[in-house]
Every structure is written in structure tokens, then in C-alpha cells.
Amino acid sequence: MNKKYLELKKNKMNKKNKIALVTGGSRGLGKSMAIALASKGIDVMITYHTNEEAADNVVSEIRSLGQKAVAFRLDTSKTGLFDNFVKEVTAYLQEQTGHPNFDFLINNAGTALYALAAETTEEQLDATFNIHYKGVFFLTQKILPFINEGGSIINISSGLSRMTFPGSSVYASMKGAVEILTRYLAKELGPRKIRVNVVAPGAIETDFGGGRTRDNKEINERIAGLTSLGRVGLPGDIGGVVAFLCTEDAGWINAQRIEVSGGQAL
């Protein structure tokens, strides 16, 4: 019995923690994902846009759970920053683990756009495209060489790629493009045993889009009335699903769109 215990203890000590990168991990859904991943025993790297204090708070919370954490500043809409960002990340990993690779990429960073198609400007469309599709595509491309075999990519879409509400045509279209990209990546990365899935949240109470789902009582109640489970989603409803997809229990889930909306607009 003692010999078996010592062997198990030795194996645990020698086992390297999995590592995830969550873009936009300083607030809202990204924060929930980062904390949920850490709760699963996964070390976490996050990016933030401008709020360094919020990012540092997330890092501290992850470390309090016994996992390693670090935050990098990155505007994921600016592809010209990606080469230096990847150098930063891989240098950190090389120093911490002895190699530049990691296991999970969660493409979460994004901004809202509420504008009718007839009123959307070219500048608004370009900005939405840059962060929600172009940035996702090229950041993934730059990082692909450093994702371990058997790793996973999770793209964040939206329930709006299935449901239609006036004012979300551009945002939802970009998310629809990411969903198609997800399937192609799953096919192309299959030989490396890298799984690629997309999580599509319904309406969630966060500060996204100025916090209107969270703070506007009329909007909140209307969405709750359209949802089978009778309420608007919370960040924790999403973070746990993303974390699950990074576990061995999800090892046979690939190329799937997983909507997490409580049964919204059925």
C-alpha cells in the first residue's frame, strides 16, 4: 500500500499542469472562464485590453486557487501586434516550464455592436470584423505552432448566430463566420489531435455592450421571458462549460457548436 501511495505521489509531482490562454480574460465571461479553468487545475494566461488593475485581480484570484497565472496586454483587433505578443507568451512559457508550448486557446475577446443594417457604417463593420473574425483567425494562426498535440481551441460565438434580433446583423454575421471557421479548423487540425469547438452564449448579465442586459430591467425581463429556464444567464453559466471542454471528459467532443442559453428563443 505504501509503495503504491509513493508511486501515485511521484506521478502527481511529475505531472505537468495544462496551460490555457484566454483572450479578454480580465472581466465578464473571460474572467469566469479563467477562474473556472483554474478550478480544474489548469494554469492560465489572460489578455486584457486596457484595464490592467482588473487583469491583476484575476491573476491574484487564480493564484489563490493554487494555479500559475499571468496577464498580457493585447488589442486583439490589431493583427500587427500578434508577432510580439506570441514572443512574449512563448518567452514566459519557456522560462516557467522549459518549453514554449501550451494546451488550450480560448478566443473570447470582443466588443458589442448594436446598429440596424440600414444604419451601420463601414467603420463600424470594419471594427467588428477586425476583432471578431480577422483577429480570431490570425491570432489562432500565429499560435497554432505552439499548441500541444491533443490540445484544444475554443471559439466564443453568440446565441445571436441562431436567433435574430434587430440591430445585431453585423455582430451575429461575424460570429457565424467564426462558427464555420471552427469546423474547418477541427478538420485541418485533426491529425494533431487538436479539438476545436465553439461555445455560443445566450444573453448574459455582464458589462458587455455597456451592461444593458444586466442593468436594463426591461431588456432583462424580456429575455428571461423568452428563456425556458426563466432567467438571464450569469457569467458562471459559461465559464464552467468552457473549462469542461478543456478536460479529458470532453475528449470526444469536436467541431461542435454548443449553445449555452438556458433554452432561449426556442
Protein backbone atom coordinates (compact mmCIF):
# COMPACT_ATOMS: atom_id res chain seq x y z
CA MET A 1 0.00 0.00 0.00
CA ASN A 2 2.78 2.44 0.93
CA LYS A 3 4.66 1.65 -2.28
CA LYS A 4 1.57 2.33 -4.35
CA TYR A 5 0.93 5.58 -2.50
CA LEU A 6 4.50 6.74 -3.13
CA GLU A 7 4.20 5.93 -6.82
CA LEU A 8 0.97 7.89 -7.10
CA LYS A 9 2.53 10.83 -5.26
CA LYS A 10 5.57 10.73 -7.53
CA ASN A 11 3.40 10.65 -10.65
CA LYS A 12 1.40 13.62 -9.39
CA MET A 13 4.56 15.60 -8.70
CA ASN A 14 5.95 14.82 -12.14
CA LYS A 15 2.71 15.64 -13.91
CA LYS A 16 2.84 19.00 -15.66
CA ASN A 17 -0.16 21.27 -15.37
CA LYS A 18 -2.09 22.04 -18.52
CA ILE A 19 -1.98 25.68 -19.58
CA ALA A 20 -4.71 27.81 -21.17
CA LEU A 21 -4.71 31.22 -22.84
CA VAL A 22 -7.94 33.22 -22.55
CA THR A 23 -8.21 36.42 -24.57
CA GLY A 24 -10.23 39.14 -22.90
CA GLY A 25 -9.86 37.41 -19.55
CA SER A 26 -9.94 40.40 -17.25
CA ARG A 27 -13.72 40.78 -16.99
CA GLY A 28 -17.11 39.29 -17.76
CA LEU A 29 -17.20 35.92 -19.46
CA GLY A 30 -13.44 35.79 -19.91
CA LYS A 31 -12.87 36.22 -16.19
CA SER A 32 -15.39 33.47 -15.45
CA MET A 33 -13.63 31.17 -17.92
CA ALA A 34 -10.21 31.88 -16.41
CA ILE A 35 -11.37 31.18 -12.85
CA ALA A 36 -13.23 28.03 -13.91
CA LEU A 37 -10.15 26.74 -15.72
CA ALA A 38 -8.02 27.35 -12.64
CA SER A 39 -10.59 25.47 -10.56
CA LYS A 40 -9.93 22.48 -12.83
CA GLY A 41 -6.20 22.60 -12.04
CA ILE A 42 -5.22 24.40 -15.24
CA ASP A 43 -2.69 27.25 -15.26
CA VAL A 44 -3.98 30.34 -17.01
CA MET A 45 -2.69 33.16 -19.16
CA ILE A 46 -5.09 36.00 -19.92
CA THR A 47 -5.04 39.06 -22.13
CA TYR A 48 -6.61 42.40 -21.33
CA HIS A 49 -7.19 45.50 -23.44
CA THR A 50 -6.61 48.47 -21.11
CA ASN A 51 -7.70 47.65 -17.55
CA GLU A 52 -4.50 46.34 -16.00
CA GLU A 53 -5.89 46.52 -12.46
CA ALA A 54 -8.80 44.23 -13.33
CA ALA A 55 -6.40 41.81 -15.04
CA ASP A 56 -4.14 41.78 -11.98
CA ASN A 57 -7.13 40.99 -9.78
CA VAL A 58 -7.98 37.98 -11.93
CA VAL A 59 -4.36 36.82 -11.79
CA SER A 60 -4.40 37.11 -7.99
CA GLU A 61 -7.62 35.14 -7.75
CA ILE A 62 -6.23 32.36 -9.93
CA ARG A 63 -3.06 32.20 -7.86
CA SER A 64 -5.15 31.96 -4.69
CA LEU A 65 -6.56 28.75 -6.17
CA GLY A 66 -3.04 27.33 -6.38
CA GLN A 67 -2.52 27.80 -10.13
CA LYS A 68 0.01 29.86 -12.05
CA ALA A 69 -1.34 32.93 -13.82
CA VAL A 70 -0.11 35.89 -15.85
CA ALA A 71 -1.71 38.74 -17.80
CA PHE A 72 -0.56 40.23 -21.11
CA ARG A 73 -1.85 43.43 -22.67
CA LEU A 74 -3.19 42.92 -26.19
CA ASP A 75 -5.65 44.57 -28.56
CA THR A 76 -6.88 41.53 -30.48
CA SER A 77 -8.25 43.72 -33.27
CA LYS A 78 -4.70 44.75 -34.27
CA THR A 79 -3.00 41.87 -36.06
CA GLY A 80 0.28 43.80 -36.27
CA LEU A 81 0.73 43.23 -32.54
CA PHE A 82 0.48 39.45 -32.75
CA ASP A 83 4.11 38.58 -33.54
CA ASN A 84 5.43 40.42 -30.48
CA PHE A 85 2.61 39.04 -28.35
CA VAL A 86 3.47 35.47 -29.30
CA LYS A 87 7.13 36.18 -28.49
CA GLU A 88 6.10 37.45 -25.03
CA VAL A 89 3.93 34.43 -24.33
CA THR A 90 6.44 31.84 -25.52
CA ALA A 91 9.28 33.54 -23.62
CA TYR A 92 7.19 33.42 -20.45
CA LEU A 93 6.36 29.76 -21.03
CA GLN A 94 9.98 28.89 -21.78
CA GLU A 95 11.04 30.47 -18.51
CA GLN A 96 8.25 28.89 -16.45
CA THR A 97 8.06 25.42 -17.97
CA GLY A 98 11.14 24.90 -20.10
CA HIS A 99 9.24 24.87 -23.40
CA PRO A 100 7.16 27.41 -25.37
CA ASN A 101 4.03 25.34 -25.85
CA PHE A 102 0.67 25.30 -24.11
CA ASP A 103 -2.59 23.39 -24.39
CA PHE A 104 -5.73 25.48 -24.75
CA LEU A 105 -6.59 28.65 -26.66
CA ILE A 106 -9.90 30.35 -25.85
CA ASN A 107 -10.74 33.12 -28.33
CA ASN A 108 -13.06 35.20 -26.17
CA ALA A 109 -12.13 38.89 -26.56
CA GLY A 110 -14.77 41.01 -28.22
CA THR A 111 -16.93 44.11 -28.21
CA ALA A 112 -20.60 44.74 -28.88
CA LEU A 113 -22.22 46.50 -31.82
CA TYR A 114 -25.91 47.40 -31.78
CA ALA A 115 -26.86 49.01 -35.10
CA LEU A 116 -29.53 48.36 -37.70
CA ALA A 117 -28.18 47.15 -41.04
CA ALA A 118 -29.53 50.26 -42.76
CA GLU A 119 -27.60 52.49 -40.35
CA THR A 120 -24.30 50.59 -39.89
CA THR A 121 -21.24 52.49 -41.08
CA GLU A 122 -18.29 50.99 -42.89
CA GLU A 123 -16.10 51.92 -39.93
CA GLN A 124 -18.37 50.01 -37.54
CA LEU A 125 -18.36 46.95 -39.78
CA ASP A 126 -14.58 47.03 -40.16
CA ALA A 127 -14.02 47.37 -36.41
CA THR A 128 -16.35 44.43 -35.71
CA PHE A 129 -14.70 42.33 -38.40
CA ASN A 130 -11.22 43.07 -37.05
CA ILE A 131 -11.90 41.91 -33.51
CA HIS A 132 -14.48 39.18 -34.07
CA TYR A 133 -13.14 37.45 -37.16
CA LYS A 134 -9.83 38.74 -38.51
CA GLY A 135 -8.26 38.89 -35.07
CA VAL A 136 -9.52 35.43 -34.15
CA PHE A 137 -8.28 33.97 -37.43
CA PHE A 138 -4.77 35.40 -37.38
CA LEU A 139 -4.13 35.08 -33.65
CA THR A 140 -5.05 31.42 -33.93
CA GLN A 141 -2.78 31.08 -36.96
CA LYS A 142 0.17 32.62 -35.09
CA ILE A 143 -0.38 30.45 -32.03
CA LEU A 144 -1.01 27.13 -33.79
CA PRO A 145 2.66 26.06 -33.83
CA PHE A 146 2.72 26.34 -30.03
CA ILE A 147 -0.42 24.37 -29.17
CA ASN A 148 0.45 20.92 -27.87
CA GLU A 149 -0.75 17.84 -29.68
CA GLY A 150 -4.01 16.78 -28.08
CA GLY A 151 -4.81 20.36 -27.10
CA SER A 152 -7.95 22.33 -27.80
CA ILE A 153 -9.22 25.59 -29.28
CA ILE A 154 -12.50 27.07 -28.11
CA ASN A 155 -14.01 29.96 -30.03
CA ILE A 156 -16.72 32.08 -28.45
CA SER A 157 -19.70 32.82 -30.63
CA SER A 158 -23.18 34.01 -29.64
CA GLY A 159 -26.74 32.78 -29.47
CA LEU A 160 -27.36 35.58 -31.98
CA SER A 161 -25.91 33.40 -34.72
CA ARG A 162 -29.11 31.34 -34.35
CA MET A 163 -31.63 33.89 -33.01
CA THR A 164 -32.35 37.12 -34.85
CA PHE A 165 -32.90 40.45 -33.14
CA PRO A 166 -32.83 43.80 -34.99
CA GLY A 167 -29.55 45.63 -34.52
CA SER A 168 -27.21 42.64 -34.34
CA SER A 169 -26.77 41.76 -38.02
CA VAL A 170 -23.06 42.62 -38.25
CA TYR A 171 -22.04 41.18 -34.88
CA ALA A 172 -24.01 37.97 -35.49
CA SER A 173 -22.62 37.62 -39.01
CA MET A 174 -19.06 37.70 -37.71
CA LYS A 175 -19.93 35.10 -35.09
CA GLY A 176 -21.47 32.93 -37.80
CA ALA A 177 -18.19 33.16 -39.71
CA VAL A 178 -16.28 32.03 -36.61
CA GLU A 179 -18.59 29.03 -36.29
CA ILE A 180 -17.77 27.95 -39.85
CA LEU A 181 -14.07 28.58 -39.22
CA THR A 182 -14.33 26.32 -36.15
CA ARG A 183 -15.43 23.37 -38.25
CA TYR A 184 -12.67 23.88 -40.78
CA LEU A 185 -10.04 24.15 -38.06
CA ALA A 186 -11.32 20.94 -36.48
CA LYS A 187 -10.89 19.18 -39.81
CA GLU A 188 -7.44 20.62 -40.55
CA LEU A 189 -6.05 20.10 -37.04
CA GLY A 190 -7.39 16.58 -36.62
CA PRO A 191 -4.01 14.99 -37.47
CA ARG A 192 -2.56 16.82 -34.45
CA LYS A 193 -5.45 15.60 -32.24
CA ILE A 194 -6.38 19.22 -31.55
CA ARG A 195 -10.09 19.61 -30.90
CA VAL A 196 -11.86 22.79 -31.97
CA ASN A 197 -15.30 23.73 -30.69
CA VAL A 198 -17.42 26.83 -30.40
CA VAL A 199 -19.43 27.96 -27.37
CA ALA A 200 -22.38 30.25 -28.11
CA PRO A 201 -23.68 32.04 -25.01
CA GLY A 202 -27.17 33.44 -24.85
CA ALA A 203 -27.79 36.79 -23.18
CA ILE A 204 -25.60 37.11 -20.08
CA GLU A 205 -25.53 39.62 -17.24
CA THR A 206 -22.12 41.28 -17.71
CA ASP A 207 -20.81 44.73 -18.63
CA PHE A 208 -20.72 43.67 -22.31
CA GLY A 209 -22.37 46.26 -24.53
CA GLY A 210 -22.44 48.75 -21.68
CA GLY A 211 -24.11 46.24 -19.38
CA ARG A 212 -27.51 46.65 -20.97
CA THR A 213 -28.64 43.04 -20.42
CA ARG A 214 -27.54 43.25 -16.79
CA ASP A 215 -28.66 46.81 -15.99
CA ASN A 216 -31.73 47.43 -18.16
CA LYS A 217 -34.63 45.88 -16.27
CA GLU A 218 -36.95 45.86 -19.29
CA ILE A 219 -34.42 44.07 -21.51
CA ASN A 220 -33.53 41.63 -18.72
CA GLU A 221 -37.14 40.70 -18.08
CA ARG A 222 -37.94 40.36 -21.77
CA ILE A 223 -35.04 37.95 -22.31
CA ALA A 224 -35.93 35.98 -19.16
CA GLY A 225 -39.44 35.61 -20.57
CA LEU A 226 -38.02 34.17 -23.80
CA THR A 227 -35.84 31.66 -21.94
CA SER A 228 -37.08 28.22 -20.94
CA LEU A 229 -35.30 28.31 -17.58
CA GLY A 230 -36.86 31.69 -16.81
CA ARG A 231 -33.83 33.90 -16.26
CA VAL A 232 -30.95 35.63 -17.99
CA GLY A 233 -27.60 33.85 -17.93
CA LEU A 234 -24.77 34.59 -15.50
CA PRO A 235 -21.01 34.51 -16.28
CA GLY A 236 -20.56 31.29 -14.30
CA ASP A 237 -23.02 29.55 -16.60
CA ILE A 238 -20.47 29.93 -19.40
CA GLY A 239 -17.12 29.61 -17.63
CA GLY A 240 -17.82 26.10 -16.40
CA VAL A 241 -18.73 24.87 -19.89
CA VAL A 242 -15.51 26.24 -21.37
CA ALA A 243 -13.49 24.66 -18.57
CA PHE A 244 -15.24 21.32 -19.12
CA LEU A 245 -14.25 21.39 -22.80
CA CYS A 246 -10.62 21.56 -21.66
CA THR A 247 -10.86 18.32 -19.67
CA GLU A 248 -10.35 14.71 -20.66
CA ASP A 249 -14.08 14.12 -20.15
CA ALA A 250 -14.68 16.25 -23.26
CA GLY A 251 -12.06 14.42 -25.31
CA TRP A 252 -14.53 13.15 -27.92
CA ILE A 253 -16.30 16.49 -28.46
CA ASN A 254 -15.03 18.10 -31.64
CA ALA A 255 -16.28 20.53 -34.31
CA GLN A 256 -19.42 21.27 -32.26
CA ARG A 257 -21.43 24.42 -31.67
CA ILE A 258 -22.55 24.31 -28.04
CA GLU A 259 -25.18 26.91 -27.24
CA VAL A 260 -25.37 27.83 -23.56
CA SER A 261 -28.51 29.93 -23.32
CA GLY A 262 -30.87 28.21 -20.89
CA GLY A 263 -33.17 27.45 -23.81
CA GLN A 264 -33.53 30.99 -25.17
CA ALA A 265 -35.95 31.70 -28.03
CA LEU A 266 -36.89 28.08 -28.69
